[in-house]
Amino acid sequence: MVTMTFDLTAELTRARVLAIIRGTDTAAAIAAGSALLAEGVRVVEVALTTPKALDAIAAIRADAPADTFVGAGTVLTVADVADVAAAGAQFVVTPAVAESIAEAARKGLPVAAGALTPTEAYTAVRSGASVVKLFPASVGGPGYLKAIRDPFPDIPFVAVGGVGLAEMPGYLAVGAIAVGVGGPLVGDAASGGDLDALRARARRYLDAVQETLS
């Protein structure tokens, strides 16, 4: 029996926000991830499309506060899973239903698997995903998420893609356990942009989370 390293569903439900770092500079990506965690964001994903993403994952994890989690995104292949596991990623995120889902689950790494259709969502869970990343969520909006949840009430969904601060409450209201946010939260910080602006955006998201929980 495979034992997962931690309960991704529970942690995302607590955090409500998954920060997605996809940048063009390794050092800037590290700085952005560390700033987000220091500000109070609890779950951060580093996309493998970021230069030297594995180094970034290892560095962010080494400096991460207790009770925070660092994962790898855009994980597609069996080789990708081996690489991110070696770098210390605590969870895996995919953009699609891919071979990486079953491999990560086999290794005990929880997976948020990208899916858009009911068939893809069902297949992702059958392949070992802990969470389904509805992507790109903006294609159908909260109404589509509600419709897809009706036949799958037990699948935890995270809405990702085109989800900004204004859109977040709508997705949470129809049952998303969390939202995944890249550009609207991270901006250009992972490519050398202003870290103070990043911290300010992070505080706005965290304040919005508190409002949804109150």
Protein backbone atom coordinates (compact mmCIF):
# COMPACT_ATOMS: atom_id res chain seq x y z
CA MET A 1 0.00 0.00 0.00
CA VAL A 2 1.34 3.45 -0.96
CA THR A 3 1.46 6.00 1.85
CA MET A 4 1.24 9.64 0.83
CA THR A 5 3.68 12.04 2.43
CA PHE A 6 0.88 14.37 3.50
CA ASP A 7 -2.80 14.99 2.84
CA LEU A 8 -2.82 17.37 -0.14
CA THR A 9 -6.59 17.66 -0.12
CA ALA A 10 -6.69 18.70 3.52
CA GLU A 11 -3.85 21.18 3.15
CA LEU A 12 -5.36 22.85 0.09
CA THR A 13 -8.72 23.02 1.82
CA ARG A 14 -7.04 24.82 4.71
CA ALA A 15 -4.92 27.09 2.53
CA ARG A 16 -7.54 27.87 -0.16
CA VAL A 17 -4.76 29.26 -2.39
CA LEU A 18 -2.11 27.38 -4.38
CA ALA A 19 0.50 29.85 -5.61
CA ILE A 20 1.96 28.95 -9.01
CA ILE A 21 5.48 30.14 -9.80
CA ARG A 22 6.35 30.14 -13.48
CA GLY A 23 9.23 32.48 -14.24
CA THR A 24 12.19 33.13 -16.48
CA ASP A 25 14.90 33.48 -13.84
CA THR A 26 15.94 30.88 -11.28
CA ALA A 27 17.05 33.26 -8.55
CA ALA A 28 13.93 35.39 -8.97
CA ALA A 29 11.72 32.30 -8.77
CA ILE A 30 13.42 31.28 -5.54
CA ALA A 31 13.00 34.76 -4.10
CA ALA A 32 9.33 34.86 -5.12
CA GLY A 33 8.59 31.47 -3.60
CA SER A 34 10.34 32.32 -0.36
CA ALA A 35 8.56 35.67 -0.16
CA LEU A 36 5.16 34.05 -0.63
CA LEU A 37 5.79 31.49 2.10
CA ALA A 38 7.16 34.12 4.47
CA GLU A 39 4.07 36.25 3.87
CA GLY A 40 1.76 33.40 4.90
CA VAL A 41 0.93 31.54 1.69
CA ARG A 42 1.14 27.89 2.67
CA VAL A 43 1.25 25.94 -0.61
CA VAL A 44 3.53 26.85 -3.52
CA GLU A 45 4.10 25.11 -6.86
CA VAL A 46 7.15 25.70 -9.06
CA ALA A 47 6.51 24.91 -12.74
CA LEU A 48 9.17 22.83 -14.44
CA THR A 49 9.15 25.33 -17.30
CA THR A 50 11.03 27.70 -14.99
CA PRO A 51 14.79 27.63 -15.67
CA LYS A 52 16.55 25.22 -13.27
CA ALA A 53 13.20 24.57 -11.61
CA LEU A 54 14.61 21.63 -9.66
CA ASP A 55 17.19 23.91 -8.04
CA ALA A 56 14.46 26.39 -7.25
CA ILE A 57 12.29 23.73 -5.61
CA ALA A 58 15.20 22.53 -3.48
CA ALA A 59 16.14 26.06 -2.44
CA ILE A 60 12.60 27.14 -1.56
CA ARG A 61 12.05 23.99 0.46
CA ALA A 62 15.31 24.47 2.34
CA ASP A 63 14.13 27.90 3.51
CA ALA A 64 10.44 27.10 3.92
CA PRO A 65 8.69 27.82 7.23
CA ALA A 66 7.16 24.93 9.13
CA ASP A 67 3.74 23.76 7.98
CA THR A 68 4.23 25.00 4.41
CA PHE A 69 4.51 22.89 1.29
CA VAL A 70 6.48 23.14 -1.94
CA GLY A 71 5.57 21.14 -5.03
CA ALA A 72 6.41 20.82 -8.69
CA GLY A 73 4.15 21.77 -11.57
CA THR A 74 4.03 20.81 -15.26
CA VAL A 75 5.12 17.31 -14.31
CA LEU A 76 4.35 15.05 -17.27
CA THR A 77 6.68 12.05 -17.47
CA VAL A 78 7.99 9.26 -15.29
CA ALA A 79 11.42 10.90 -15.52
CA ASP A 80 9.93 14.21 -14.35
CA VAL A 81 8.55 12.49 -11.27
CA ALA A 82 11.95 11.02 -10.39
CA ASP A 83 13.58 14.41 -10.83
CA VAL A 84 11.14 16.38 -8.71
CA ALA A 85 11.13 13.74 -5.99
CA ALA A 86 14.93 13.97 -5.81
CA ALA A 87 14.67 17.77 -5.59
CA GLY A 88 12.39 17.46 -2.56
CA ALA A 89 9.02 18.31 -4.05
CA GLN A 90 6.25 17.38 -1.64
CA PHE A 91 3.52 17.13 -4.25
CA VAL A 92 3.08 17.07 -8.02
CA VAL A 93 0.82 19.09 -10.31
CA THR A 94 0.10 18.18 -13.93
CA PRO A 95 -1.53 20.21 -16.71
CA ALA A 96 -3.25 17.12 -18.14
CA VAL A 97 -3.97 13.45 -17.57
CA ALA A 98 -0.43 12.11 -17.96
CA GLU A 99 1.73 9.12 -17.07
CA SER A 100 3.19 11.14 -14.20
CA ILE A 101 0.00 10.75 -12.15
CA ALA A 102 0.29 7.03 -11.57
CA GLU A 103 4.06 7.24 -11.13
CA ALA A 104 3.86 9.98 -8.53
CA ALA A 105 1.14 8.14 -6.65
CA ARG A 106 3.31 5.01 -6.72
CA LYS A 107 6.13 6.99 -5.12
CA GLY A 108 3.84 8.41 -2.44
CA LEU A 109 3.71 11.92 -3.88
CA PRO A 110 0.18 13.35 -3.86
CA VAL A 111 -0.97 14.66 -7.23
CA ALA A 112 -3.19 17.52 -8.36
CA ALA A 113 -3.96 16.33 -11.88
CA GLY A 114 -5.05 18.64 -14.66
CA ALA A 115 -8.40 17.83 -16.26
CA LEU A 116 -11.18 19.72 -17.99
CA THR A 117 -13.85 17.18 -18.93
CA PRO A 118 -15.79 14.73 -16.76
CA THR A 119 -13.97 11.83 -18.43
CA GLU A 120 -10.59 13.38 -17.73
CA ALA A 121 -11.50 14.09 -14.10
CA TYR A 122 -12.64 10.53 -13.55
CA THR A 123 -9.59 9.10 -15.31
CA ALA A 124 -7.25 11.28 -13.26
CA VAL A 125 -8.66 10.02 -9.98
CA ARG A 126 -8.61 6.42 -11.20
CA SER A 127 -4.94 6.95 -12.09
CA GLY A 128 -4.12 7.99 -8.53
CA ALA A 129 -4.71 11.75 -8.31
CA SER A 130 -5.59 13.10 -4.89
CA VAL A 131 -7.07 16.30 -6.34
CA VAL A 132 -8.31 17.33 -9.77
CA LYS A 133 -7.04 20.64 -11.10
CA LEU A 134 -9.85 22.00 -13.26
CA PHE A 135 -7.81 23.61 -16.02
CA PRO A 136 -8.31 26.02 -17.62
CA ALA A 137 -11.15 26.88 -15.30
CA SER A 138 -11.89 30.15 -17.09
CA VAL A 139 -13.27 28.24 -20.09
CA GLY A 140 -16.49 27.51 -18.21
CA GLY A 141 -16.22 29.53 -15.02
CA PRO A 142 -17.84 28.66 -11.69
CA GLY A 143 -20.99 27.44 -13.45
CA TYR A 144 -19.04 24.75 -15.25
CA LEU A 145 -17.29 23.68 -12.05
CA LYS A 146 -20.67 23.34 -10.34
CA ALA A 147 -21.96 21.23 -13.23
CA ILE A 148 -18.96 18.92 -13.26
CA ARG A 149 -19.11 18.48 -9.49
CA ASP A 150 -22.73 17.31 -9.57
CA PRO A 151 -21.88 13.76 -10.76
CA PHE A 152 -18.56 13.75 -8.85
CA PRO A 153 -19.32 15.23 -5.42
CA ASP A 154 -16.46 13.31 -3.80
CA ILE A 155 -13.72 14.57 -6.15
CA PRO A 156 -11.83 17.53 -4.68
CA PHE A 157 -11.43 20.22 -7.36
CA VAL A 158 -8.98 23.10 -7.49
CA ALA A 159 -9.84 25.81 -10.02
CA VAL A 160 -6.80 26.95 -12.03
CA GLY A 161 -6.40 29.19 -15.05
CA GLY A 162 -7.74 32.71 -15.26
CA VAL A 163 -8.63 32.82 -11.57
CA GLY A 164 -7.89 36.23 -10.12
CA LEU A 165 -8.80 37.81 -6.82
CA ALA A 166 -12.24 38.82 -8.08
CA GLU A 167 -13.00 35.34 -9.41
CA MET A 168 -11.83 33.36 -6.39
CA PRO A 169 -15.00 33.66 -4.25
CA GLY A 170 -17.16 32.36 -7.10
CA TYR A 171 -15.19 29.16 -7.44
CA LEU A 172 -15.02 28.56 -3.70
CA ALA A 173 -18.77 29.18 -3.43
CA VAL A 174 -19.56 26.30 -5.82
CA GLY A 175 -17.31 23.81 -4.06
CA ALA A 176 -13.70 24.25 -5.17
CA ILE A 177 -11.48 23.35 -2.24
CA ALA A 178 -8.95 25.95 -3.41
CA VAL A 179 -7.86 28.04 -6.37
CA GLY A 180 -4.50 27.89 -8.12
CA VAL A 181 -3.17 31.34 -8.99
CA GLY A 182 -0.18 32.21 -11.15
CA GLY A 183 0.00 35.57 -12.92
CA PRO A 184 -2.66 37.44 -10.92
CA LEU A 185 -0.74 36.69 -7.71
CA VAL A 186 2.89 36.21 -8.71
CA GLY A 187 2.95 38.78 -11.50
CA ASP A 188 6.48 39.23 -12.84
CA ALA A 189 8.17 38.56 -9.50
CA ALA A 190 9.45 35.14 -10.64
CA SER A 191 11.16 36.87 -13.56
CA GLY A 192 12.81 39.62 -11.55
CA GLY A 193 9.85 41.85 -10.73
CA ASP A 194 9.01 43.75 -7.56
CA LEU A 195 8.91 41.52 -4.47
CA ASP A 196 7.21 44.18 -2.36
CA ALA A 197 4.34 44.25 -4.86
CA LEU A 198 4.21 40.45 -4.68
CA ARG A 199 3.96 40.57 -0.90
CA ALA A 200 1.14 43.10 -1.12
CA ARG A 201 -0.78 40.90 -3.57
CA ALA A 202 -0.22 37.90 -1.30
CA ARG A 203 -1.71 39.78 1.65
CA ARG A 204 -4.77 40.68 -0.43
CA TYR A 205 -5.30 37.02 -1.31
CA LEU A 206 -4.83 35.91 2.27
CA ASP A 207 -7.30 38.56 3.45
CA ALA A 208 -9.79 37.32 0.86
CA VAL A 209 -9.35 33.76 2.11
CA GLN A 210 -10.16 34.88 5.64
CA GLU A 211 -13.30 36.58 4.37
CA THR A 212 -14.47 33.37 2.67
CA LEU A 213 -13.89 31.39 5.87
CA SER A 214 -15.66 33.87 8.15
